[in-house]
């Protein structure tokens, strides 16, 4: 018996099979900046250095790096 997954879940399953280059952010302020500028967190994990801290994974794109550079400029 075949069961169809809802449309959203099918997209997620397909996305899981694609290779996505990710950029890891450990700074909460940088993570908030990226999210407020339209970037989406793909995954969150505990830090391997300190399990009390988190690592935030974003798709590594030119736009992401430009947004990160803007953040660093504004903080300087």
Protein backbone atom coordinates (compact mmCIF):
# COMPACT_ATOMS: atom_id res chain seq x y z
CA UNK A 1 0.00 0.00 0.00
CA UNK A 2 1.48 3.34 -1.07
CA UNK A 3 0.93 6.31 1.19
CA UNK A 4 1.56 9.79 -0.18
CA UNK A 5 3.28 12.21 2.12
CA UNK A 6 1.85 15.71 2.37
CA UNK A 7 3.45 18.10 -0.12
CA UNK A 8 5.63 19.84 2.48
CA UNK A 9 7.11 16.61 3.78
CA UNK A 10 7.92 15.46 0.24
CA UNK A 11 9.93 18.63 -0.31
CA UNK A 12 11.80 18.06 2.94
CA UNK A 13 12.64 14.49 1.97
CA UNK A 14 13.95 15.64 -1.41
CA UNK A 15 15.96 18.41 0.24
CA UNK A 16 17.63 15.88 2.55
CA UNK A 17 19.07 14.00 -0.43
CA UNK A 18 20.64 17.14 -1.95
CA UNK A 19 24.14 18.15 -0.92
CA UNK A 20 24.06 21.62 0.63
CA UNK A 21 27.26 23.42 1.60
CA UNK A 22 26.73 24.83 5.06
CA UNK A 23 28.41 27.59 7.03
CA UNK A 24 28.56 27.16 10.82
CA UNK A 25 27.89 30.18 13.03
CA UNK A 26 28.63 30.04 16.75
CA UNK A 27 27.70 33.63 17.58
CA UNK A 28 24.12 34.26 18.70
CA UNK A 29 24.29 37.91 17.64
CA UNK A 30 25.51 36.94 14.13
CA UNK A 31 22.78 34.28 13.95
CA UNK A 32 20.12 36.84 14.88
CA UNK A 33 21.53 39.29 12.32
CA UNK A 34 21.46 36.68 9.55
CA UNK A 35 17.90 35.64 10.41
CA UNK A 36 16.69 39.24 10.51
CA UNK A 37 18.22 39.71 7.05
CA UNK A 38 16.30 36.81 5.52
CA UNK A 39 18.64 33.85 5.96
CA UNK A 40 17.21 30.63 7.36
CA UNK A 41 18.80 28.30 9.90
CA UNK A 42 19.05 24.82 8.36
CA UNK A 43 20.19 22.97 11.47
CA UNK A 44 21.18 23.53 15.11
CA UNK A 45 23.57 21.29 17.04
CA UNK A 46 25.37 21.35 20.37
CA UNK A 47 28.92 22.65 20.10
CA UNK A 48 31.58 19.98 20.13
CA UNK A 49 33.73 22.27 22.31
CA UNK A 50 31.04 23.08 24.88
CA UNK A 51 27.69 21.22 24.95
CA UNK A 52 26.10 24.26 26.64
CA UNK A 53 26.65 26.26 23.42
CA UNK A 54 24.98 25.83 20.03
CA UNK A 55 26.17 25.81 16.43
CA UNK A 56 23.83 27.24 13.81
CA UNK A 57 24.08 25.95 10.24
CA UNK A 58 23.21 28.18 7.28
CA UNK A 59 23.43 27.50 3.56
CA UNK A 60 26.81 28.82 2.44
CA UNK A 61 26.03 31.35 -0.28
CA UNK A 62 27.51 34.58 -1.62
CA UNK A 63 24.51 36.42 -0.13
CA UNK A 64 25.19 34.92 3.31
CA UNK A 65 28.83 36.01 3.21
CA UNK A 66 27.87 39.53 2.09
CA UNK A 67 25.41 39.79 4.98
CA UNK A 68 28.10 38.58 7.38
CA UNK A 69 30.54 41.21 6.05
CA UNK A 70 27.89 43.90 6.55
CA UNK A 71 27.43 42.76 10.17
CA UNK A 72 31.18 42.96 10.81
CA UNK A 73 31.38 46.46 9.25
CA UNK A 74 28.53 47.77 11.37
CA UNK A 75 30.06 46.34 14.55
CA UNK A 76 33.50 47.90 13.88
